[in-house]
Amino acid sequence: MSETRSPREVFQELLNGISEGRFSELAELYAEDAVVETVFQPVGPRRFEGRSVLAERFAEVAARSPIELASKNVVIRETDDPEVIVAEWDYEVNHRVTGRTVEAPNIQVLRVRDGLIVHSRDFHDHLALAVVGGNLPDLVAALAAE
């Protein structure tokens, strides 16, 4: 009989999968009815509901993302709620097209139940991602249009 993964273990699997580009496997870390909120997403949706929606999102990222992410400075804090952790880390972001590299800080508040992510509030540095990709003018235009 296998033991249920802890929130810390699930987060580490998620981070490893992202850093290794294994996006097709990531949705399996989420519950069927999981909710992910990308709180600082500057444009577009900030809330994603359901494993199938997340699988589609991860597939889109895998198909079109020209960036490589390497995690470092990872700190995982447990809370007084055994289902919840707060993870802080930096990504070294390498953009394969522009050749630029930048460090982008991140925070995630994860709720893991029965070894699956049921809720996540993600705080990523989207501005750093726009800069490394040379997309800052597009981001400013999109923000001005809203």
C-alpha atoms as a PDB file:
ATOM      1  CA  MET A   1       0.000   0.000   0.000  1.00  0.00           C
ATOM      2  CA  SER A   2       1.422   3.395  -0.964  1.00  0.00           C
ATOM      3  CA  GLU A   3       1.427   6.311   1.418  1.00  0.00           C
ATOM      4  CA  THR A   4      -0.292   9.587   0.493  1.00  0.00           C
ATOM      5  CA  ARG A   5       2.145  12.303  -0.560  1.00  0.00           C
ATOM      6  CA  SER A   6       2.567  15.254   1.779  1.00  0.00           C
ATOM      7  CA  PRO A   7       1.974  18.840   0.581  1.00  0.00           C
ATOM      8  CA  ARG A   8       5.745  19.322   0.581  1.00  0.00           C
ATOM      9  CA  GLU A   9       6.266  16.249  -1.613  1.00  0.00           C
ATOM     10  CA  VAL A  10       3.511  17.285  -4.027  1.00  0.00           C
ATOM     11  CA  PHE A  11       4.980  20.785  -4.377  1.00  0.00           C
ATOM     12  CA  GLN A  12       8.427  19.331  -5.028  1.00  0.00           C
ATOM     13  CA  GLU A  13       6.979  17.081  -7.747  1.00  0.00           C
ATOM     14  CA  LEU A  14       5.257  20.102  -9.296  1.00  0.00           C
ATOM     15  CA  LEU A  15       8.428  22.195  -9.226  1.00  0.00           C
ATOM     16  CA  ASN A  16      10.547  19.370 -10.644  1.00  0.00           C
ATOM     17  CA  GLY A  17       8.025  18.723 -13.417  1.00  0.00           C
ATOM     18  CA  ILE A  18       8.010  22.393 -14.420  1.00  0.00           C
ATOM     19  CA  SER A  19      11.801  22.714 -14.290  1.00  0.00           C
ATOM     20  CA  GLU A  20      12.209  19.529 -16.333  1.00  0.00           C
ATOM     21  CA  GLY A  21       9.574  20.575 -18.888  1.00  0.00           C
ATOM     22  CA  ARG A  22       7.281  17.629 -18.114  1.00  0.00           C
ATOM     23  CA  PHE A  23       4.106  19.709 -18.529  1.00  0.00           C
ATOM     24  CA  SER A  24       2.002  16.794 -19.774  1.00  0.00           C
ATOM     25  CA  GLU A  25       2.334  15.155 -16.325  1.00  0.00           C
ATOM     26  CA  LEU A  26       1.511  18.166 -14.161  1.00  0.00           C
ATOM     27  CA  ALA A  27      -2.299  18.008 -14.246  1.00  0.00           C
ATOM     28  CA  GLU A  28      -2.146  14.637 -12.490  1.00  0.00           C
ATOM     29  CA  LEU A  29      -0.916  16.438  -9.369  1.00  0.00           C
ATOM     30  CA  TYR A  30      -4.264  18.261  -9.113  1.00  0.00           C
ATOM     31  CA  ALA A  31      -7.653  17.082  -7.852  1.00  0.00           C
ATOM     32  CA  GLU A  32     -10.499  16.832 -10.389  1.00  0.00           C
ATOM     33  CA  ASP A  33     -12.100  19.977  -8.939  1.00  0.00           C
ATOM     34  CA  ALA A  34      -8.887  21.904  -8.193  1.00  0.00           C
ATOM     35  CA  VAL A  35      -8.853  25.694  -8.308  1.00  0.00           C
ATOM     36  CA  VAL A  36      -5.738  27.643  -9.295  1.00  0.00           C
ATOM     37  CA  GLU A  37      -5.601  31.403  -8.907  1.00  0.00           C
ATOM     38  CA  THR A  38      -2.802  33.339 -10.624  1.00  0.00           C
ATOM     39  CA  VAL A  39      -3.220  36.413  -8.495  1.00  0.00           C
ATOM     40  CA  PHE A  40      -0.747  38.743 -10.246  1.00  0.00           C
ATOM     41  CA  GLN A  41      -1.505  37.655 -13.833  1.00  0.00           C
ATOM     42  CA  PRO A  42      -1.602  41.060 -15.565  1.00  0.00           C
ATOM     43  CA  VAL A  43      -3.995  40.160 -18.404  1.00  0.00           C
ATOM     44  CA  GLY A  44      -6.267  37.247 -19.142  1.00  0.00           C
ATOM     45  CA  PRO A  45      -7.930  34.848 -16.759  1.00  0.00           C
ATOM     46  CA  ARG A  46      -6.720  34.667 -13.183  1.00  0.00           C
ATOM     47  CA  ARG A  47      -8.757  31.648 -12.063  1.00  0.00           C
ATOM     48  CA  PHE A  48      -8.703  28.128 -13.482  1.00  0.00           C
ATOM     49  CA  GLU A  49     -11.083  25.438 -12.289  1.00  0.00           C
ATOM     50  CA  GLY A  50     -10.774  21.696 -12.812  1.00  0.00           C
ATOM     51  CA  ARG A  51      -8.033  19.247 -13.713  1.00  0.00           C
ATOM     52  CA  SER A  52      -9.097  19.159 -17.374  1.00  0.00           C
ATOM     53  CA  VAL A  53      -8.794  22.953 -17.670  1.00  0.00           C
ATOM     54  CA  LEU A  54      -5.373  22.797 -16.041  1.00  0.00           C
ATOM     55  CA  ALA A  55      -4.300  20.000 -18.403  1.00  0.00           C
ATOM     56  CA  GLU A  56      -5.252  22.222 -21.362  1.00  0.00           C
ATOM     57  CA  ARG A  57      -3.352  25.154 -19.862  1.00  0.00           C
ATOM     58  CA  PHE A  58      -0.231  23.041 -19.288  1.00  0.00           C
ATOM     59  CA  ALA A  59      -0.470  21.702 -22.875  1.00  0.00           C
ATOM     60  CA  GLU A  60      -0.628  25.272 -24.217  1.00  0.00           C
ATOM     61  CA  VAL A  61       2.427  26.262 -22.187  1.00  0.00           C
ATOM     62  CA  ALA A  62       4.344  23.214 -23.395  1.00  0.00           C
ATOM     63  CA  ALA A  63       3.461  23.903 -27.033  1.00  0.00           C
ATOM     64  CA  ARG A  64       4.284  27.595 -27.147  1.00  0.00           C
ATOM     65  CA  SER A  65       6.634  28.478 -24.332  1.00  0.00           C
ATOM     66  CA  PRO A  66      10.152  29.419 -25.406  1.00  0.00           C
ATOM     67  CA  ILE A  67      11.442  29.566 -21.840  1.00  0.00           C
ATOM     68  CA  GLU A  68      13.426  27.198 -19.683  1.00  0.00           C
ATOM     69  CA  LEU A  69      12.948  27.429 -15.928  1.00  0.00           C
ATOM     70  CA  ALA A  70      15.459  26.349 -13.298  1.00  0.00           C
ATOM     71  CA  SER A  71      14.347  26.624  -9.693  1.00  0.00           C
ATOM     72  CA  LYS A  72      16.637  27.767  -6.914  1.00  0.00           C
ATOM     73  CA  ASN A  73      16.467  29.236  -3.419  1.00  0.00           C
ATOM     74  CA  VAL A  74      13.468  27.037  -2.598  1.00  0.00           C
ATOM     75  CA  VAL A  75      11.966  27.510   0.861  1.00  0.00           C
ATOM     76  CA  ILE A  76       8.883  25.550   1.915  1.00  0.00           C
ATOM     77  CA  ARG A  77       7.035  26.637   5.009  1.00  0.00           C
ATOM     78  CA  GLU A  78       4.501  24.451   6.717  1.00  0.00           C
ATOM     79  CA  THR A  79       1.524  26.101   8.400  1.00  0.00           C
ATOM     80  CA  ASP A  80      -0.706  25.263  11.333  1.00  0.00           C
ATOM     81  CA  ASP A  81      -3.062  23.692   8.770  1.00  0.00           C
ATOM     82  CA  PRO A  82      -1.524  20.324   7.766  1.00  0.00           C
ATOM     83  CA  GLU A  83      -2.983  20.631   4.246  1.00  0.00           C
ATOM     84  CA  VAL A  84      -1.368  24.021   3.526  1.00  0.00           C
ATOM     85  CA  ILE A  85       2.190  25.015   2.701  1.00  0.00           C
ATOM     86  CA  VAL A  86       3.710  28.268   1.511  1.00  0.00           C
ATOM     87  CA  ALA A  87       6.555  27.868  -0.970  1.00  0.00           C
ATOM     88  CA  GLU A  88       8.968  30.598  -2.016  1.00  0.00           C
ATOM     89  CA  TRP A  89      11.553  30.209  -4.747  1.00  0.00           C
ATOM     90  CA  ASP A  90      13.242  31.871  -7.673  1.00  0.00           C
ATOM     91  CA  TYR A  91      13.258  30.726 -11.257  1.00  0.00           C
ATOM     92  CA  GLU A  92      16.252  31.370 -13.413  1.00  0.00           C
ATOM     93  CA  VAL A  93      14.419  32.044 -16.648  1.00  0.00           C
ATOM     94  CA  ASN A  94      16.241  31.475 -19.927  1.00  0.00           C
ATOM     95  CA  HIS A  95      14.428  32.628 -23.058  1.00  0.00           C
ATOM     96  CA  ARG A  96      15.525  30.446 -25.978  1.00  0.00           C
ATOM     97  CA  VAL A  97      14.523  33.006 -28.628  1.00  0.00           C
ATOM     98  CA  THR A  98      15.807  36.283 -27.152  1.00  0.00           C
ATOM     99  CA  GLY A  99      18.748  34.694 -25.363  1.00  0.00           C
ATOM    100  CA  ARG A 100      17.939  36.752 -22.287  1.00  0.00           C
ATOM    101  CA  THR A 101      18.106  35.391 -18.768  1.00  0.00           C
ATOM    102  CA  VAL A 102      16.374  36.815 -15.712  1.00  0.00           C
ATOM    103  CA  GLU A 103      15.616  35.745 -12.170  1.00  0.00           C
ATOM    104  CA  ALA A 104      11.908  35.698 -11.303  1.00  0.00           C
ATOM    105  CA  PRO A 105      10.635  35.320  -7.730  1.00  0.00           C
ATOM    106  CA  ASN A 106       7.578  33.189  -6.953  1.00  0.00           C
ATOM    107  CA  ILE A 107       5.312  32.312  -4.051  1.00  0.00           C
ATOM    108  CA  GLN A 108       2.645  29.615  -3.968  1.00  0.00           C
ATOM    109  CA  VAL A 109       0.152  28.867  -1.262  1.00  0.00           C
ATOM    110  CA  LEU A 110      -0.920  25.255  -1.809  1.00  0.00           C
ATOM    111  CA  ARG A 111      -3.675  23.218  -0.230  1.00  0.00           C
ATOM    112  CA  VAL A 112      -3.061  19.501  -0.738  1.00  0.00           C
ATOM    113  CA  ARG A 113      -5.621  16.908   0.272  1.00  0.00           C
ATOM    114  CA  ASP A 114      -5.187  13.154  -0.180  1.00  0.00           C
ATOM    115  CA  GLY A 115      -1.956  13.768  -2.094  1.00  0.00           C
ATOM    116  CA  LEU A 116      -3.500  16.125  -4.684  1.00  0.00           C
ATOM    117  CA  ILE A 117      -3.543  19.902  -5.016  1.00  0.00           C
ATOM    118  CA  VAL A 118      -7.072  21.150  -4.364  1.00  0.00           C
ATOM    119  CA  HIS A 119      -6.302  24.875  -4.296  1.00  0.00           C
ATOM    120  CA  SER A 120      -3.369  27.033  -5.247  1.00  0.00           C
ATOM    121  CA  ARG A 121      -2.786  30.772  -5.059  1.00  0.00           C
ATOM    122  CA  ASP A 122       0.178  31.567  -7.282  1.00  0.00           C
ATOM    123  CA  PHE A 123       2.168  34.783  -7.098  1.00  0.00           C
ATOM    124  CA  HIS A 124       4.646  34.858 -10.009  1.00  0.00           C
ATOM    125  CA  ASP A 125       6.693  37.749 -11.375  1.00  0.00           C
ATOM    126  CA  HIS A 126       4.914  38.119 -14.717  1.00  0.00           C
ATOM    127  CA  LEU A 127       6.701  41.388 -15.415  1.00  0.00           C
ATOM    128  CA  ALA A 128      10.078  39.595 -15.386  1.00  0.00           C
ATOM    129  CA  LEU A 129       8.680  37.041 -17.852  1.00  0.00           C
ATOM    130  CA  ALA A 130       7.490  39.827 -20.165  1.00  0.00           C
ATOM    131  CA  VAL A 131      10.892  41.526 -19.995  1.00  0.00           C
ATOM    132  CA  VAL A 132      12.916  38.365 -20.698  1.00  0.00           C
ATOM    133  CA  GLY A 133      10.733  37.617 -23.721  1.00  0.00           C
ATOM    134  CA  GLY A 134      10.905  41.159 -25.077  1.00  0.00           C
ATOM    135  CA  ASN A 135       7.125  41.414 -24.634  1.00  0.00           C
ATOM    136  CA  LEU A 136       6.929  44.446 -22.365  1.00  0.00           C
ATOM    137  CA  PRO A 137       5.453  46.737 -25.075  1.00  0.00           C
ATOM    138  CA  ASP A 138       2.764  44.111 -25.811  1.00  0.00           C
ATOM    139  CA  LEU A 139       1.949  43.828 -22.108  1.00  0.00           C
ATOM    140  CA  VAL A 140       1.646  47.603 -21.732  1.00  0.00           C
ATOM    141  CA  ALA A 141      -0.640  47.752 -24.785  1.00  0.00           C
ATOM    142  CA  ALA A 142      -2.814  44.937 -23.415  1.00  0.00           C
ATOM    143  CA  LEU A 143      -3.084  46.670 -20.058  1.00  0.00           C
ATOM    144  CA  ALA A 144      -3.991  49.974 -21.725  1.00  0.00           C
ATOM    145  CA  ALA A 145      -6.727  48.230 -23.707  1.00  0.00           C
ATOM    146  CA  GLU A 146      -8.445  46.819 -20.599  1.00  0.00           C
END
